Amino acid sequence: MSDELETMAAEELDAACAMPFADIRKITPWGDSFTGFLPSGREVEVARRYLWAHEPEGGVIVEVEVHDPETRTGHEARALLTEPRSE
């Protein structure tokens, strides 16, 4: 079960970070939650958060948490996104 939670959190984090940085800035700060399903079919809660990061580089912190309320277990994944430098 733990591997499924970890895998789903990583996949959801990838999806949450896939938007262009300019679009992410427009929705920050923001969060939502929804019901999802693990590959095994178990229902889980998925929460996504976009938060301003002030240190060290600034940017946006993206957090995803996948929580199984039945077993009271979960996994969180996080990324720091910074604005791409123009060359």
PDB file of N, CA and C in Angstrom:
ATOM      1  N   MET A   1       0.817  -1.195   0.000  1.00  0.00           N
ATOM      2  CA  MET A   1       0.000   0.000   0.000  1.00  0.00           C
ATOM      3  C   MET A   1       0.860   1.257   0.000  1.00  0.00           C
ATOM      4  N   SER A   2       1.893   1.288   0.830  1.00  0.00           N
ATOM      5  CA  SER A   2       2.757   2.458   0.930  1.00  0.00           C
ATOM      6  C   SER A   2       3.398   2.799  -0.414  1.00  0.00           C
ATOM      7  N   ASP A   3       3.818   1.754  -1.171  1.00  0.00           N
ATOM      8  CA  ASP A   3       4.407   1.993  -2.484  1.00  0.00           C
ATOM      9  C   ASP A   3       3.400   2.635  -3.421  1.00  0.00           C
ATOM     10  N   GLU A   4       2.143   2.216  -3.340  1.00  0.00           N
ATOM     11  CA  GLU A   4       1.100   2.807  -4.181  1.00  0.00           C
ATOM     12  C   GLU A   4       0.889   4.278  -3.835  1.00  0.00           C
ATOM     13  N   LEU A   5       0.875   4.590  -2.554  1.00  0.00           N
ATOM     14  CA  LEU A   5       0.707   5.980  -2.135  1.00  0.00           C
ATOM     15  C   LEU A   5       1.876   6.834  -2.611  1.00  0.00           C
ATOM     16  N   GLU A   6       3.084   6.305  -2.464  1.00  0.00           N
ATOM     17  CA  GLU A   6       4.278   7.030  -2.890  1.00  0.00           C
ATOM     18  C   GLU A   6       4.273   7.245  -4.402  1.00  0.00           C
ATOM     19  N   THR A   7       3.939   6.217  -5.163  1.00  0.00           N
ATOM     20  CA  THR A   7       3.894   6.318  -6.620  1.00  0.00           C
ATOM     21  C   THR A   7       2.847   7.325  -7.062  1.00  0.00           C
ATOM     22  N   MET A   8       1.655   7.252  -6.452  1.00  0.00           N
ATOM     23  CA  MET A   8       0.591   8.181  -6.832  1.00  0.00           C
ATOM     24  C   MET A   8       0.965   9.609  -6.471  1.00  0.00           C
ATOM     25  N   ALA A   9       1.593   9.834  -5.323  1.00  0.00           N
ATOM     26  CA  ALA A   9       2.018  11.181  -4.938  1.00  0.00           C
ATOM     27  C   ALA A   9       3.026  11.734  -5.935  1.00  0.00           C
ATOM     28  N   ALA A  10       3.962  10.909  -6.369  1.00  0.00           N
ATOM     29  CA  ALA A  10       4.955  11.354  -7.359  1.00  0.00           C
ATOM     30  C   ALA A  10       4.303  11.687  -8.694  1.00  0.00           C
ATOM     31  N   GLU A  11       3.357  10.868  -9.120  1.00  0.00           N
ATOM     32  CA  GLU A  11       2.658  11.124 -10.388  1.00  0.00           C
ATOM     33  C   GLU A  11       1.817  12.393 -10.311  1.00  0.00           C
ATOM     34  N   GLU A  12       1.129  12.585  -9.190  1.00  0.00           N
ATOM     35  CA  GLU A  12       0.319  13.793  -9.016  1.00  0.00           C
ATOM     36  C   GLU A  12       1.199  15.035  -8.937  1.00  0.00           C
ATOM     37  N   LEU A  13       2.381  14.912  -8.321  1.00  0.00           N
ATOM     38  CA  LEU A  13       3.313  16.037  -8.262  1.00  0.00           C
ATOM     39  C   LEU A  13       3.794  16.397  -9.663  1.00  0.00           C
ATOM     40  N   ASP A  14       4.125  15.403 -10.462  1.00  0.00           N
ATOM     41  CA  ASP A  14       4.535  15.662 -11.842  1.00  0.00           C
ATOM     42  C   ASP A  14       3.443  16.411 -12.592  1.00  0.00           C
ATOM     43  N   ALA A  15       2.191  15.990 -12.428  1.00  0.00           N
ATOM     44  CA  ALA A  15       1.072  16.651 -13.099  1.00  0.00           C
ATOM     45  C   ALA A  15       0.900  18.079 -12.585  1.00  0.00           C
ATOM     46  N   ALA A  16       1.045  18.272 -11.270  1.00  0.00           N
ATOM     47  CA  ALA A  16       0.876  19.594 -10.682  1.00  0.00           C
ATOM     48  C   ALA A  16       1.964  20.567 -11.130  1.00  0.00           C
ATOM     49  N   CYS A  17       3.127  20.044 -11.461  1.00  0.00           N
ATOM     50  CA  CYS A  17       4.252  20.885 -11.883  1.00  0.00           C
ATOM     51  C   CYS A  17       4.331  21.047 -13.397  1.00  0.00           C
ATOM     52  N   ALA A  18       3.435  20.422 -14.139  1.00  0.00           N
ATOM     53  CA  ALA A  18       3.535  20.401 -15.598  1.00  0.00           C
ATOM     54  C   ALA A  18       3.097  21.711 -16.262  1.00  0.00           C
ATOM     55  N   MET A  19       2.355  22.534 -15.548  1.00  0.00           N
ATOM     56  CA  MET A  19       1.922  23.808 -16.135  1.00  0.00           C
ATOM     57  C   MET A  19       3.121  24.726 -16.342  1.00  0.00           C
ATOM     58  N   PRO A  20       3.031  25.627 -17.310  1.00  0.00           N
ATOM     59  CA  PRO A  20       4.090  26.627 -17.442  1.00  0.00           C
ATOM     60  C   PRO A  20       4.195  27.458 -16.154  1.00  0.00           C
ATOM     61  N   PHE A  21       5.408  27.866 -15.812  1.00  0.00           N
ATOM     62  CA  PHE A  21       5.636  28.584 -14.562  1.00  0.00           C
ATOM     63  C   PHE A  21       4.787  29.854 -14.487  1.00  0.00           C
ATOM     64  N   ALA A  22       4.618  30.546 -15.590  1.00  0.00           N
ATOM     65  CA  ALA A  22       3.800  31.769 -15.592  1.00  0.00           C
ATOM     66  C   ALA A  22       2.366  31.470 -15.161  1.00  0.00           C
ATOM     67  N   ASP A  23       1.817  30.345 -15.576  1.00  0.00           N
ATOM     68  CA  ASP A  23       0.458  29.958 -15.174  1.00  0.00           C
ATOM     69  C   ASP A  23       0.405  29.568 -13.699  1.00  0.00           C
ATOM     70  N   ILE A  24       1.435  28.904 -13.215  1.00  0.00           N
ATOM     71  CA  ILE A  24       1.484  28.525 -11.805  1.00  0.00           C
ATOM     72  C   ILE A  24       1.514  29.774 -10.930  1.00  0.00           C
ATOM     73  N   ARG A  25       2.272  30.769 -11.345  1.00  0.00           N
ATOM     74  CA  ARG A  25       2.338  32.030 -10.573  1.00  0.00           C
ATOM     75  C   ARG A  25       0.961  32.674 -10.456  1.00  0.00           C
ATOM     76  N   LYS A  26       0.155  32.571 -11.501  1.00  0.00           N
ATOM     77  CA  LYS A  26      -1.170  33.201 -11.505  1.00  0.00           C
ATOM     78  C   LYS A  26      -2.116  32.569 -10.486  1.00  0.00           C
ATOM     79  N   ILE A  27      -1.930  31.292 -10.175  1.00  0.00           N
ATOM     80  CA  ILE A  27      -2.858  30.615  -9.261  1.00  0.00           C
ATOM     81  C   ILE A  27      -2.317  30.499  -7.838  1.00  0.00           C
ATOM     82  N   THR A  28      -1.081  30.940  -7.610  1.00  0.00           N
ATOM     83  CA  THR A  28      -0.462  30.819  -6.287  1.00  0.00           C
ATOM     84  C   THR A  28      -0.849  32.024  -5.434  1.00  0.00           C
ATOM     85  N   PRO A  29      -1.220  31.893  -4.180  1.00  0.00           N
ATOM     86  CA  PRO A  29      -1.387  30.658  -3.430  1.00  0.00           C
ATOM     87  C   PRO A  29      -2.747  30.024  -3.729  1.00  0.00           C
ATOM     88  N   TRP A  30      -2.760  28.715  -3.734  1.00  0.00           N
ATOM     89  CA  TRP A  30      -3.984  27.993  -4.059  1.00  0.00           C
ATOM     90  C   TRP A  30      -3.829  26.545  -3.649  1.00  0.00           C
ATOM     91  N   GLY A  31      -4.947  25.889  -3.395  1.00  0.00           N
ATOM     92  CA  GLY A  31      -4.933  24.472  -3.075  1.00  0.00           C
ATOM     93  C   GLY A  31      -6.281  23.868  -3.379  1.00  0.00           C
ATOM     94  N   ASP A  32      -6.297  22.581  -3.571  1.00  0.00           N
ATOM     95  CA  ASP A  32      -7.553  21.863  -3.770  1.00  0.00           C
ATOM     96  C   ASP A  32      -7.376  20.430  -3.301  1.00  0.00           C
ATOM     97  N   SER A  33      -8.491  19.748  -3.171  1.00  0.00           N
ATOM     98  CA  SER A  33      -8.433  18.334  -2.831  1.00  0.00           C
ATOM     99  C   SER A  33      -9.534  17.612  -3.599  1.00  0.00           C
ATOM    100  N   PHE A  34      -9.287  16.340  -3.836  1.00  0.00           N
ATOM    101  CA  PHE A  34     -10.249  15.545  -4.593  1.00  0.00           C
ATOM    102  C   PHE A  34     -10.062  14.081  -4.244  1.00  0.00           C
ATOM    103  N   THR A  35     -11.045  13.296  -4.608  1.00  0.00           N
ATOM    104  CA  THR A  35     -10.982  11.856  -4.385  1.00  0.00           C
ATOM    105  C   THR A  35     -10.317  11.206  -5.591  1.00  0.00           C
ATOM    106  N   GLY A  36      -9.381  10.310  -5.326  1.00  0.00           N
ATOM    107  CA  GLY A  36      -8.704   9.571  -6.382  1.00  0.00           C
ATOM    108  C   GLY A  36      -8.727   8.085  -6.051  1.00  0.00           C
ATOM    109  N   PHE A  37      -8.179   7.312  -6.952  1.00  0.00           N
ATOM    110  CA  PHE A  37      -8.151   5.863  -6.768  1.00  0.00           C
ATOM    111  C   PHE A  37      -6.749   5.335  -7.036  1.00  0.00           C
ATOM    112  N   LEU A  38      -6.266   4.522  -6.124  1.00  0.00           N
ATOM    113  CA  LEU A  38      -4.989   3.846  -6.317  1.00  0.00           C
ATOM    114  C   LEU A  38      -5.153   2.787  -7.402  1.00  0.00           C
ATOM    115  N   PRO A  39      -4.064   2.320  -8.006  1.00  0.00           N
ATOM    116  CA  PRO A  39      -4.165   1.253  -9.008  1.00  0.00           C
ATOM    117  C   PRO A  39      -4.901   0.014  -8.481  1.00  0.00           C
ATOM    118  N   SER A  40      -4.821  -0.228  -7.179  1.00  0.00           N
ATOM    119  CA  SER A  40      -5.506  -1.382  -6.602  1.00  0.00           C
ATOM    120  C   SER A  40      -7.011  -1.140  -6.456  1.00  0.00           C
ATOM    121  N   GLY A  41      -7.458   0.100  -6.716  1.00  0.00           N
ATOM    122  CA  GLY A  41      -8.875   0.422  -6.638  1.00  0.00           C
ATOM    123  C   GLY A  41      -9.295   1.089  -5.342  1.00  0.00           C
ATOM    124  N   ARG A  42      -8.392   1.188  -4.390  1.00  0.00           N
ATOM    125  CA  ARG A  42      -8.716   1.804  -3.100  1.00  0.00           C
ATOM    126  C   ARG A  42      -8.895   3.309  -3.283  1.00  0.00           C
ATOM    127  N   GLU A  43      -9.925   3.856  -2.622  1.00  0.00           N
ATOM    128  CA  GLU A  43     -10.215   5.293  -2.702  1.00  0.00           C
ATOM    129  C   GLU A  43      -9.310   6.056  -1.742  1.00  0.00           C
ATOM    130  N   VAL A  44      -8.724   7.151  -2.220  1.00  0.00           N
ATOM    131  CA  VAL A  44      -7.830   7.978  -1.406  1.00  0.00           C
ATOM    132  C   VAL A  44      -8.192   9.450  -1.598  1.00  0.00           C
ATOM    133  N   GLU A  45      -7.697  10.275  -0.690  1.00  0.00           N
ATOM    134  CA  GLU A  45      -7.843  11.723  -0.801  1.00  0.00           C
ATOM    135  C   GLU A  45      -6.529  12.297  -1.320  1.00  0.00           C
ATOM    136  N   VAL A  46      -6.632  13.180  -2.302  1.00  0.00           N
ATOM    137  CA  VAL A  46      -5.459  13.817  -2.880  1.00  0.00           C
ATOM    138  C   VAL A  46      -5.580  15.321  -2.638  1.00  0.00           C
ATOM    139  N   ALA A  47      -4.547  15.911  -2.063  1.00  0.00           N
ATOM    140  CA  ALA A  47      -4.525  17.354  -1.829  1.00  0.00           C
ATOM    141  C   ALA A  47      -3.337  17.950  -2.574  1.00  0.00           C
ATOM    142  N   ARG A  48      -3.583  19.092  -3.214  1.00  0.00           N
ATOM    143  CA  ARG A  48      -2.550  19.802  -3.956  1.00  0.00           C
ATOM    144  C   ARG A  48      -2.462  21.222  -3.417  1.00  0.00           C
ATOM    145  N   ARG A  49      -1.241  21.714  -3.212  1.00  0.00           N
ATOM    146  CA  ARG A  49      -1.050  23.077  -2.716  1.00  0.00           C
ATOM    147  C   ARG A  49       0.056  23.772  -3.503  1.00  0.00           C
ATOM    148  N   TYR A  50      -0.199  25.035  -3.838  1.00  0.00           N
ATOM    149  CA  TYR A  50       0.801  25.900  -4.464  1.00  0.00           C
ATOM    150  C   TYR A  50       1.037  27.047  -3.490  1.00  0.00           C
ATOM    151  N   LEU A  51       2.254  27.171  -2.975  1.00  0.00           N
ATOM    152  CA  LEU A  51       2.584  28.158  -1.950  1.00  0.00           C
ATOM    153  C   LEU A  51       3.795  28.983  -2.377  1.00  0.00           C
ATOM    154  N   TRP A  52       3.797  30.256  -2.015  1.00  0.00           N
ATOM    155  CA  TRP A  52       4.964  31.087  -2.312  1.00  0.00           C
ATOM    156  C   TRP A  52       6.149  30.630  -1.474  1.00  0.00           C
ATOM    157  N   ALA A  53       7.306  30.545  -2.095  1.00  0.00           N
ATOM    158  CA  ALA A  53       8.556  30.230  -1.402  1.00  0.00           C
ATOM    159  C   ALA A  53       9.364  31.517  -1.330  1.00  0.00           C
ATOM    160  N   HIS A  54       9.815  31.865  -0.146  1.00  0.00           N
ATOM    161  CA  HIS A  54      10.558  33.110  -0.009  1.00  0.00           C
ATOM    162  C   HIS A  54      12.052  32.872   0.191  1.00  0.00           C
ATOM    163  N   GLU A  55      12.414  31.719   0.631  1.00  0.00           N
ATOM    164  CA  GLU A  55      13.819  31.409   0.856  1.00  0.00           C
ATOM    165  C   GLU A  55      14.087  30.001   0.349  1.00  0.00           C
ATOM    166  N   PRO A  56      15.209  29.649  -0.142  1.00  0.00           N
ATOM    167  CA  PRO A  56      16.341  30.510  -0.433  1.00  0.00           C
ATOM    168  C   PRO A  56      16.218  31.203  -1.790  1.00  0.00           C
ATOM    169  N   GLU A  57      15.625  30.544  -2.804  1.00  0.00           N
ATOM    170  CA  GLU A  57      15.602  31.131  -4.143  1.00  0.00           C
ATOM    171  C   GLU A  57      14.306  31.861  -4.458  1.00  0.00           C
ATOM    172  N   GLY A  58      13.310  31.715  -3.634  1.00  0.00           N
ATOM    173  CA  GLY A  58      11.990  32.224  -4.001  1.00  0.00           C
ATOM    174  C   GLY A  58      11.325  31.209  -4.912  1.00  0.00           C
ATOM    175  N   GLY A  59      10.265  31.575  -5.561  1.00  0.00           N
ATOM    176  CA  GLY A  59       9.572  30.661  -6.449  1.00  0.00           C
ATOM    177  C   GLY A  59       8.297  30.152  -5.816  1.00  0.00           C
ATOM    178  N   VAL A  60       7.889  28.956  -6.214  1.00  0.00           N
ATOM    179  CA  VAL A  60       6.647  28.360  -5.753  1.00  0.00           C
ATOM    180  C   VAL A  60       6.930  26.950  -5.251  1.00  0.00           C
ATOM    181  N   ILE A  61       6.417  26.645  -4.070  1.00  0.00           N
ATOM    182  CA  ILE A  61       6.496  25.283  -3.537  1.00  0.00           C
ATOM    183  C   ILE A  61       5.208  24.575  -3.944  1.00  0.00           C
ATOM    184  N   VAL A  62       5.349  23.414  -4.554  1.00  0.00           N
ATOM    185  CA  VAL A  62       4.196  22.605  -4.934  1.00  0.00           C
ATOM    186  C   VAL A  62       4.208  21.374  -4.034  1.00  0.00           C
ATOM    187  N   GLU A  63       3.101  21.161  -3.342  1.00  0.00           N
ATOM    188  CA  GLU A  63       2.988  20.009  -2.447  1.00  0.00           C
ATOM    189  C   GLU A  63       1.796  19.162  -2.865  1.00  0.00           C
ATOM    190  N   VAL A  64       1.991  17.859  -2.806  1.00  0.00           N
ATOM    191  CA  VAL A  64       0.905  16.912  -3.074  1.00  0.00           C
ATOM    192  C   VAL A  64       0.906  15.900  -1.948  1.00  0.00           C
ATOM    193  N   GLU A  65      -0.276  15.643  -1.412  1.00  0.00           N
ATOM    194  CA  GLU A  65      -0.421  14.635  -0.369  1.00  0.00           C
ATOM    195  C   GLU A  65      -1.493  13.643  -0.797  1.00  0.00           C
ATOM    196  N   VAL A  66      -1.159  12.370  -0.714  1.00  0.00           N
ATOM    197  CA  VAL A  66      -2.123  11.298  -0.988  1.00  0.00           C
ATOM    198  C   VAL A  66      -2.357  10.592   0.337  1.00  0.00           C
ATOM    199  N   HIS A  67      -3.610  10.575   0.770  1.00  0.00           N
ATOM    200  CA  HIS A  67      -3.948  10.058   2.096  1.00  0.00           C
ATOM    201  C   HIS A  67      -5.029   8.994   1.990  1.00  0.00           C
ATOM    202  N   ASP A  68      -4.786   7.875   2.636  1.00  0.00           N
ATOM    203  CA  ASP A  68      -5.763   6.798   2.703  1.00  0.00           C
ATOM    204  C   ASP A  68      -6.459   6.887   4.057  1.00  0.00           C
ATOM    205  N   PRO A  69      -7.690   7.417   4.093  1.00  0.00           N
ATOM    206  CA  PRO A  69      -8.362   7.591   5.385  1.00  0.00           C
ATOM    207  C   PRO A  69      -8.680   6.281   6.093  1.00  0.00           C
ATOM    208  N   GLU A  70      -8.852   5.220   5.349  1.00  0.00           N
ATOM    209  CA  GLU A  70      -9.189   3.934   5.973  1.00  0.00           C
ATOM    210  C   GLU A  70      -8.034   3.379   6.792  1.00  0.00           C
ATOM    211  N   THR A  71      -6.824   3.455   6.238  1.00  0.00           N
ATOM    212  CA  THR A  71      -5.659   2.923   6.945  1.00  0.00           C
ATOM    213  C   THR A  71      -4.895   4.000   7.708  1.00  0.00           C
ATOM    214  N   ARG A  72      -5.326   5.257   7.545  1.00  0.00           N
ATOM    215  CA  ARG A  72      -4.666   6.402   8.188  1.00  0.00           C
ATOM    216  C   ARG A  72      -3.193   6.479   7.831  1.00  0.00           C
ATOM    217  N   THR A  73      -2.904   6.229   6.570  1.00  0.00           N
ATOM    218  CA  THR A  73      -1.546   6.357   6.061  1.00  0.00           C
ATOM    219  C   THR A  73      -1.561   7.332   4.901  1.00  0.00           C
ATOM    220  N   GLY A  74      -0.393   7.831   4.565  1.00  0.00           N
ATOM    221  CA  GLY A  74      -0.308   8.760   3.454  1.00  0.00           C
ATOM    222  C   GLY A  74       1.123   8.967   3.027  1.00  0.00           C
ATOM    223  N   HIS A  75       1.260   9.734   1.967  1.00  0.00           N
ATOM    224  CA  HIS A  75       2.584  10.085   1.466  1.00  0.00           C
ATOM    225  C   HIS A  75       2.505  11.481   0.883  1.00  0.00           C
ATOM    226  N   GLU A  76       3.550  12.274   1.117  1.00  0.00           N
ATOM    227  CA  GLU A  76       3.605  13.634   0.603  1.00  0.00           C
ATOM    228  C   GLU A  76       4.826  13.779  -0.305  1.00  0.00           C
ATOM    229  N   ALA A  77       4.629  14.529  -1.370  1.00  0.00           N
ATOM    230  CA  ALA A  77       5.724  14.848  -2.284  1.00  0.00           C
ATOM    231  C   ALA A  77       5.748  16.355  -2.468  1.00  0.00           C
ATOM    232  N   ARG A  78       6.921  16.908  -2.686  1.00  0.00           N
ATOM    233  CA  ARG A  78       7.058  18.363  -2.757  1.00  0.00           C
ATOM    234  C   ARG A  78       8.137  18.738  -3.770  1.00  0.00           C
ATOM    235  N   ALA A  79       7.939  19.890  -4.407  1.00  0.00           N
ATOM    236  CA  ALA A  79       8.921  20.402  -5.350  1.00  0.00           C
ATOM    237  C   ALA A  79       9.005  21.914  -5.209  1.00  0.00           C
ATOM    238  N   LEU A  80      10.161  22.465  -5.480  1.00  0.00           N
ATOM    239  CA  LEU A  80      10.355  23.908  -5.524  1.00  0.00           C
ATOM    240  C   LEU A  80      10.547  24.304  -6.976  1.00  0.00           C
ATOM    241  N   LEU A  81       9.650  25.144  -7.475  1.00  0.00           N
ATOM    242  CA  LEU A  81       9.743  25.618  -8.847  1.00  0.00           C
ATOM    243  C   LEU A  81      10.234  27.065  -8.846  1.00  0.00           C
ATOM    244  N   THR A  82      11.181  27.349  -9.697  1.00  0.00           N
ATOM    245  CA  THR A  82      11.667  28.714  -9.842  1.00  0.00           C
ATOM    246  C   THR A  82      11.487  29.157 -11.284  1.00  0.00           C
ATOM    247  N   GLU A  83      11.383  30.444 -11.446  1.00  0.00           N
ATOM    248  CA  GLU A  83      11.157  30.993 -12.777  1.00  0.00           C
ATOM    249  C   GLU A  83      12.356  30.688 -13.676  1.00  0.00           C
ATOM    250  N   PRO A  84      12.091  30.168 -14.883  1.00  0.00           N
ATOM    251  CA  PRO A  84      13.207  29.897 -15.797  1.00  0.00           C
ATOM    252  C   PRO A  84      13.940  31.197 -16.149  1.00  0.00           C
ATOM    253  N   ARG A  85      15.217  31.110 -16.222  1.00  0.00           N
ATOM    254  CA  ARG A  85      16.030  32.289 -16.575  1.00  0.00           C
ATOM    255  C   ARG A  85      15.997  32.467 -18.098  1.00  0.00           C
ATOM    256  N   SER A  86      15.827  33.719 -18.507  1.00  0.00           N
ATOM    257  CA  SER A  86      15.898  33.979 -19.957  1.00  0.00           C
ATOM    258  C   SER A  86      17.343  34.239 -20.325  1.00  0.00           C
ATOM    259  N   GLU A  87      17.711  33.715 -21.459  1.00  0.00           N
ATOM    260  CA  GLU A  87      19.121  33.810 -21.879  1.00  0.00           C
ATOM    261  C   GLU A  87      19.268  34.726 -23.040  1.00  0.00           C
TER     262      GLU A  87
END
